[in-house]
Amino acid sequence: CDAMDEALVAVCAARPLAEDDLKAWRRYLRS
């Protein structure tokens, strides 16, 4: 569960540059 939290922080810290990645990042964080 700690590893899951670490992975969530890493997703939040991602800085998507490509438009497709940005859309996927936003959609994933909402989901």
All heavy atoms as atom14 arrays in JSON, in Angstrom:
{
  "sequence": "CDAMDEALVAVCAARPLAEDDLKAWRRYLRS",
  "atom14_mask": [
    [1, 1, 1, 1, 1, 1, 0, 0, 0, 0, 0, 0, 0, 0],
    [1, 1, 1, 1, 1, 1, 1, 1, 0, 0, 0, 0, 0, 0],
    [1, 1, 1, 1, 1, 0, 0, 0, 0, 0, 0, 0, 0, 0],
    [1, 1, 1, 1, 1, 1, 1, 1, 0, 0, 0, 0, 0, 0],
    [1, 1, 1, 1, 1, 1, 1, 1, 0, 0, 0, 0, 0, 0],
    [1, 1, 1, 1, 1, 1, 1, 1, 1, 0, 0, 0, 0, 0],
    [1, 1, 1, 1, 1, 0, 0, 0, 0, 0, 0, 0, 0, 0],
    [1, 1, 1, 1, 1, 1, 1, 1, 0, 0, 0, 0, 0, 0],
    [1, 1, 1, 1, 1, 1, 1, 0, 0, 0, 0, 0, 0, 0],
    [1, 1, 1, 1, 1, 0, 0, 0, 0, 0, 0, 0, 0, 0],
    [1, 1, 1, 1, 1, 1, 1, 0, 0, 0, 0, 0, 0, 0],
    [1, 1, 1, 1, 1, 1, 0, 0, 0, 0, 0, 0, 0, 0],
    [1, 1, 1, 1, 1, 0, 0, 0, 0, 0, 0, 0, 0, 0],
    [1, 1, 1, 1, 1, 0, 0, 0, 0, 0, 0, 0, 0, 0],
    [1, 1, 1, 1, 1, 1, 1, 1, 1, 1, 1, 0, 0, 0],
    [1, 1, 1, 1, 1, 1, 1, 0, 0, 0, 0, 0, 0, 0],
    [1, 1, 1, 1, 1, 1, 1, 1, 0, 0, 0, 0, 0, 0],
    [1, 1, 1, 1, 1, 0, 0, 0, 0, 0, 0, 0, 0, 0],
    [1, 1, 1, 1, 1, 1, 1, 1, 1, 0, 0, 0, 0, 0],
    [1, 1, 1, 1, 1, 1, 1, 1, 0, 0, 0, 0, 0, 0],
    [1, 1, 1, 1, 1, 1, 1, 1, 0, 0, 0, 0, 0, 0],
    [1, 1, 1, 1, 1, 1, 1, 1, 0, 0, 0, 0, 0, 0],
    [1, 1, 1, 1, 1, 1, 1, 1, 1, 0, 0, 0, 0, 0],
    [1, 1, 1, 1, 1, 0, 0, 0, 0, 0, 0, 0, 0, 0],
    [1, 1, 1, 1, 1, 1, 1, 1, 1, 1, 1, 1, 1, 1],
    [1, 1, 1, 1, 1, 1, 1, 1, 1, 1, 1, 0, 0, 0],
    [1, 1, 1, 1, 1, 1, 1, 1, 1, 1, 1, 0, 0, 0],
    [1, 1, 1, 1, 1, 1, 1, 1, 1, 1, 1, 1, 0, 0],
    [1, 1, 1, 1, 1, 1, 1, 1, 0, 0, 0, 0, 0, 0],
    [1, 1, 1, 1, 1, 1, 1, 1, 1, 1, 1, 0, 0, 0],
    [1, 1, 1, 1, 1, 1, 0, 0, 0, 0, 0, 0, 0, 0]
  ],
  "atom14_positions": [
    [[0.83, -1.21, 0.0], [0.0, 0.0, 0.0], [0.87, 1.26, 0.0], [0.51, 2.25, -0.63], [-0.96, -0.02, 1.17], [-2.2, -1.33, 1.01], [0.0, 0.0, 0.0], [0.0, 0.0, 0.0], [0.0, 0.0, 0.0], [0.0, 0.0, 0.0], [0.0, 0.0, 0.0], [0.0, 0.0, 0.0], [0.0, 0.0, 0.0], [0.0, 0.0, 0.0]],
    [[2.01, 1.21, 0.69], [2.95, 2.32, 0.63], [3.48, 2.51, -0.79], [3.61, 3.64, -1.27], [4.12, 2.1, 1.59], [3.72, 2.23, 3.05], [2.63, 2.78, 3.34], [4.51, 1.78, 3.91], [0.0, 0.0, 0.0], [0.0, 0.0, 0.0], [0.0, 0.0, 0.0], [0.0, 0.0, 0.0], [0.0, 0.0, 0.0], [0.0, 0.0, 0.0]],
    [[3.75, 1.4, -1.48], [4.21, 1.48, -2.87], [3.14, 2.09, -3.76], [3.45, 2.86, -4.68], [4.61, 0.09, -3.37], [0.0, 0.0, 0.0], [0.0, 0.0, 0.0], [0.0, 0.0, 0.0], [0.0, 0.0, 0.0], [0.0, 0.0, 0.0], [0.0, 0.0, 0.0], [0.0, 0.0, 0.0], [0.0, 0.0, 0.0], [0.0, 0.0, 0.0]],
    [[1.88, 1.78, -3.49], [0.79, 2.36, -4.25], [0.74, 3.88, -4.04], [0.56, 4.65, -4.98], [-0.54, 1.73, -3.84], [-1.75, 2.29, -4.57], [-3.32, 1.6, -4.01], [-3.34, 2.13, -2.3], [0.0, 0.0, 0.0], [0.0, 0.0, 0.0], [0.0, 0.0, 0.0], [0.0, 0.0, 0.0], [0.0, 0.0, 0.0], [0.0, 0.0, 0.0]],
    [[0.92, 4.32, -2.79], [0.94, 5.76, -2.5], [2.09, 6.45, -3.22], [1.93, 7.54, -3.78], [1.03, 6.0, -1.0], [-0.23, 5.6, -0.24], [-1.28, 5.37, -0.88], [-0.16, 5.51, 1.0], [0.0, 0.0, 0.0], [0.0, 0.0, 0.0], [0.0, 0.0, 0.0], [0.0, 0.0, 0.0], [0.0, 0.0, 0.0], [0.0, 0.0, 0.0]],
    [[3.27, 5.81, -3.19], [4.44, 6.37, -3.89], [4.15, 6.51, -5.38], [4.51, 7.52, -6.01], [5.66, 5.49, -3.67], [6.18, 5.47, -2.26], [6.64, 6.84, -1.77], [7.26, 7.58, -2.55], [6.36, 7.16, -0.61], [0.0, 0.0, 0.0], [0.0, 0.0, 0.0], [0.0, 0.0, 0.0], [0.0, 0.0, 0.0], [0.0, 0.0, 0.0]],
    [[3.52, 5.5, -5.94], [3.19, 5.54, -7.37], [2.17, 6.64, -7.68], [2.26, 7.3, -8.72], [2.68, 4.17, -7.82], [0.0, 0.0, 0.0], [0.0, 0.0, 0.0], [0.0, 0.0, 0.0], [0.0, 0.0, 0.0], [0.0, 0.0, 0.0], [0.0, 0.0, 0.0], [0.0, 0.0, 0.0], [0.0, 0.0, 0.0], [0.0, 0.0, 0.0]],
    [[1.23, 6.86, -6.77], [0.26, 7.95, -6.96], [0.97, 9.31, -6.96], [0.68, 10.16, -7.81], [-0.81, 7.92, -5.88], [-1.85, 9.05, -5.94], [-2.62, 9.01, -7.26], [-2.79, 8.98, -4.76], [0.0, 0.0, 0.0], [0.0, 0.0, 0.0], [0.0, 0.0, 0.0], [0.0, 0.0, 0.0], [0.0, 0.0, 0.0], [0.0, 0.0, 0.0]],
    [[1.89, 9.5, -6.04], [2.65, 10.75, -6.0], [3.43, 10.93, -7.31], [3.47, 12.03, -7.87], [3.58, 10.8, -4.77], [4.51, 12.01, -4.83], [2.75, 10.83, -3.48], [0.0, 0.0, 0.0], [0.0, 0.0, 0.0], [0.0, 0.0, 0.0], [0.0, 0.0, 0.0], [0.0, 0.0, 0.0], [0.0, 0.0, 0.0], [0.0, 0.0, 0.0]],
    [[4.0, 9.86, -7.82], [4.75, 9.93, -9.08], [3.84, 10.3, -10.24], [4.22, 11.1, -11.11], [5.46, 8.61, -9.35], [0.0, 0.0, 0.0], [0.0, 0.0, 0.0], [0.0, 0.0, 0.0], [0.0, 0.0, 0.0], [0.0, 0.0, 0.0], [0.0, 0.0, 0.0], [0.0, 0.0, 0.0], [0.0, 0.0, 0.0], [0.0, 0.0, 0.0]],
    [[2.63, 9.78, -10.27], [1.67, 10.15, -11.32], [1.34, 11.64, -11.2], [1.33, 12.36, -12.2], [0.37, 9.31, -11.25], [-0.69, 9.88, -12.18], [0.65, 7.86, -11.6], [0.0, 0.0, 0.0], [0.0, 0.0, 0.0], [0.0, 0.0, 0.0], [0.0, 0.0, 0.0], [0.0, 0.0, 0.0], [0.0, 0.0, 0.0], [0.0, 0.0, 0.0]],
    [[1.1, 12.09, -9.99], [0.77, 13.5, -9.78], [1.92, 14.42, -10.19], [1.69, 15.53, -10.66], [0.39, 13.75, -8.32], [-1.17, 12.98, -7.85], [0.0, 0.0, 0.0], [0.0, 0.0, 0.0], [0.0, 0.0, 0.0], [0.0, 0.0, 0.0], [0.0, 0.0, 0.0], [0.0, 0.0, 0.0], [0.0, 0.0, 0.0], [0.0, 0.0, 0.0]],
    [[3.14, 13.95, -10.01], [4.31, 14.76, -10.34], [4.65, 14.74, -11.82], [5.45, 15.56, -12.29], [5.52, 14.28, -9.53], [0.0, 0.0, 0.0], [0.0, 0.0, 0.0], [0.0, 0.0, 0.0], [0.0, 0.0, 0.0], [0.0, 0.0, 0.0], [0.0, 0.0, 0.0], [0.0, 0.0, 0.0], [0.0, 0.0, 0.0], [0.0, 0.0, 0.0]],
    [[4.06, 13.83, -12.56], [4.35, 13.74, -13.99], [4.0, 15.07, -14.67], [3.01, 15.71, -14.33], [3.55, 12.6, -14.62], [0.0, 0.0, 0.0], [0.0, 0.0, 0.0], [0.0, 0.0, 0.0], [0.0, 0.0, 0.0], [0.0, 0.0, 0.0], [0.0, 0.0, 0.0], [0.0, 0.0, 0.0], [0.0, 0.0, 0.0], [0.0, 0.0, 0.0]],
    [[4.82, 15.45, -15.57], [4.58, 16.69, -16.3], [4.43, 16.35, -17.78], [5.37, 16.43, -18.55], [5.75, 17.67, -16.11], [5.86, 18.21, -14.71], [4.69, 19.14, -14.47], [4.72, 19.68, -13.13], [3.74, 19.54, -12.28], [2.68, 18.85, -12.6], [3.8, 20.08, -11.09], [0.0, 0.0, 0.0], [0.0, 0.0, 0.0], [0.0, 0.0, 0.0]],
    [[3.2, 15.94, -18.16], [2.99, 15.53, -19.55], [3.24, 16.7, -20.5], [2.76, 17.8, -20.28], [1.53, 15.11, -19.59], [1.03, 15.12, -18.19], [2.0, 15.87, -17.37], [0.0, 0.0, 0.0], [0.0, 0.0, 0.0], [0.0, 0.0, 0.0], [0.0, 0.0, 0.0], [0.0, 0.0, 0.0], [0.0, 0.0, 0.0], [0.0, 0.0, 0.0]],
    [[3.99, 16.42, -21.55], [4.27, 17.44, -22.56], [3.39, 17.26, -23.79], [2.9, 18.24, -24.34], [5.75, 17.39, -22.95], [6.74, 17.64, -21.81], [8.17, 17.47, -22.31], [6.53, 19.02, -21.22], [0.0, 0.0, 0.0], [0.0, 0.0, 0.0], [0.0, 0.0, 0.0], [0.0, 0.0, 0.0], [0.0, 0.0, 0.0], [0.0, 0.0, 0.0]],
    [[3.18, 16.03, -24.18], [2.36, 15.76, -25.36], [0.88, 15.9, -24.99], [0.47, 15.54, -23.89], [2.65, 14.37, -25.89], [0.0, 0.0, 0.0], [0.0, 0.0, 0.0], [0.0, 0.0, 0.0], [0.0, 0.0, 0.0], [0.0, 0.0, 0.0], [0.0, 0.0, 0.0], [0.0, 0.0, 0.0], [0.0, 0.0, 0.0], [0.0, 0.0, 0.0]],
    [[0.11, 16.39, -25.91], [-1.33, 16.6, -25.68], [-2.04, 15.3, -25.31], [-2.87, 15.28, -24.41], [-1.98, 17.23, -26.92], [-3.43, 17.6, -26.74], [-3.66, 18.71, -25.71], [-2.76, 19.53, -25.49], [-4.76, 18.73, -25.13], [0.0, 0.0, 0.0], [0.0, 0.0, 0.0], [0.0, 0.0, 0.0], [0.0, 0.0, 0.0], [0.0, 0.0, 0.0]],
    [[-1.71, 14.2, -25.99], [-2.34, 12.91, -25.68], [-2.02, 12.48, -24.25], [-2.88, 11.96, -23.54], [-1.88, 11.83, -26.65], [-2.49, 12.0, -28.04], [-3.45, 12.8, -28.18], [-2.01, 11.34, -28.97], [0.0, 0.0, 0.0], [0.0, 0.0, 0.0], [0.0, 0.0, 0.0], [0.0, 0.0, 0.0], [0.0, 0.0, 0.0], [0.0, 0.0, 0.0]],
    [[-0.77, 12.68, -23.83], [-0.38, 12.33, -22.46], [-1.1, 13.21, -21.45], [-1.53, 12.73, -20.4], [1.14, 12.47, -22.27], [1.92, 11.32, -22.84], [1.3, 10.32, -23.26], [3.16, 11.41, -22.85], [0.0, 0.0, 0.0], [0.0, 0.0, 0.0], [0.0, 0.0, 0.0], [0.0, 0.0, 0.0], [0.0, 0.0, 0.0], [0.0, 0.0, 0.0]],
    [[-1.22, 14.49, -21.76], [-1.91, 15.41, -20.85], [-3.36, 15.0, -20.67], [-3.88, 14.96, -19.54], [-1.81, 16.84, -21.37], [-2.46, 17.92, -20.51], [-1.84, 17.96, -19.12], [-2.33, 19.27, -21.19], [0.0, 0.0, 0.0], [0.0, 0.0, 0.0], [0.0, 0.0, 0.0], [0.0, 0.0, 0.0], [0.0, 0.0, 0.0], [0.0, 0.0, 0.0]],
    [[-4.02, 14.65, -21.77], [-5.41, 14.2, -21.69], [-5.52, 12.91, -20.87], [-6.41, 12.78, -20.02], [-5.98, 13.98, -23.08], [-6.26, 15.26, -23.84], [-6.78, 14.96, -25.23], [-6.99, 16.23, -26.02], [-7.43, 15.95, -27.4], [0.0, 0.0, 0.0], [0.0, 0.0, 0.0], [0.0, 0.0, 0.0], [0.0, 0.0, 0.0], [0.0, 0.0, 0.0]],
    [[-4.63, 11.97, -21.12], [-4.65, 10.69, -20.38], [-4.36, 10.93, -18.9], [-5.0, 10.33, -18.03], [-3.63, 9.72, -20.98], [0.0, 0.0, 0.0], [0.0, 0.0, 0.0], [0.0, 0.0, 0.0], [0.0, 0.0, 0.0], [0.0, 0.0, 0.0], [0.0, 0.0, 0.0], [0.0, 0.0, 0.0], [0.0, 0.0, 0.0], [0.0, 0.0, 0.0]],
    [[-3.4, 11.8, -18.59], [-3.02, 12.11, -17.21], [-4.22, 12.68, -16.45], [-4.53, 12.24, -15.36], [-1.85, 13.09, -17.25], [-1.29, 13.54, -15.94], [-0.53, 12.8, -15.07], [-1.39, 14.84, -15.37], [-0.16, 13.56, -14.0], [-0.67, 14.82, -14.16], [-2.01, 16.02, -15.77], [-0.56, 15.94, -13.34], [-1.89, 17.13, -14.96], [-1.18, 17.09, -13.76]],
    [[-4.87, 13.66, -17.06], [-6.04, 14.27, -16.42], [-7.16, 13.25, -16.23], [-7.79, 13.18, -15.17], [-6.55, 15.45, -17.26], [-5.65, 16.65, -17.19], [-6.15, 17.74, -18.12], [-5.33, 18.94, -17.99], [-5.25, 19.87, -18.92], [-5.96, 19.75, -20.04], [-4.49, 20.92, -18.75], [0.0, 0.0, 0.0], [0.0, 0.0, 0.0], [0.0, 0.0, 0.0]],
    [[-7.41, 12.47, -17.26], [-8.46, 11.45, -17.18], [-8.14, 10.41, -16.11], [-9.01, 10.01, -15.33], [-8.63, 10.78, -18.56], [-9.85, 9.91, -18.68], [-10.1, 9.41, -20.1], [-9.04, 8.51, -20.54], [-8.19, 8.76, -21.54], [-8.25, 9.87, -22.23], [-7.26, 7.89, -21.86], [0.0, 0.0, 0.0], [0.0, 0.0, 0.0], [0.0, 0.0, 0.0]],
    [[-6.88, 10.01, -16.01], [-6.5, 9.01, -15.01], [-6.65, 9.57, -13.6], [-7.2, 8.9, -12.72], [-5.06, 8.52, -15.24], [-4.71, 7.39, -14.31], [-5.24, 6.12, -14.51], [-3.91, 7.6, -13.2], [-4.97, 5.08, -13.64], [-3.63, 6.56, -12.33], [-4.16, 5.3, -12.56], [-3.89, 4.28, -11.69], [0.0, 0.0, 0.0], [0.0, 0.0, 0.0]],
    [[-6.18, 10.79, -13.38], [-6.29, 11.38, -12.04], [-7.75, 11.53, -11.62], [-8.09, 11.32, -10.45], [-5.55, 12.71, -11.97], [-4.03, 12.61, -12.01], [-3.41, 14.0, -12.03], [-3.5, 11.79, -10.84], [0.0, 0.0, 0.0], [0.0, 0.0, 0.0], [0.0, 0.0, 0.0], [0.0, 0.0, 0.0], [0.0, 0.0, 0.0], [0.0, 0.0, 0.0]],
    [[-8.61, 11.86, -12.56], [-10.04, 11.92, -12.24], [-10.59, 10.53, -11.93], [-11.38, 10.35, -11.0], [-10.84, 12.56, -13.38], [-10.76, 14.07, -13.41], [-11.78, 14.66, -14.38], [-11.57, 14.25, -15.75], [-10.81, 14.9, -16.62], [-10.19, 16.0, -16.27], [-10.67, 14.45, -17.86], [0.0, 0.0, 0.0], [0.0, 0.0, 0.0], [0.0, 0.0, 0.0]],
    [[-10.15, 9.54, -12.67], [-10.7, 8.19, -12.51], [-10.28, 7.54, -11.19], [-11.04, 6.73, -10.65], [-10.29, 7.28, -13.68], [-8.94, 6.89, -13.57], [0.0, 0.0, 0.0], [0.0, 0.0, 0.0], [0.0, 0.0, 0.0], [0.0, 0.0, 0.0], [0.0, 0.0, 0.0], [0.0, 0.0, 0.0], [0.0, 0.0, 0.0], [0.0, 0.0, 0.0]]
  ]
}
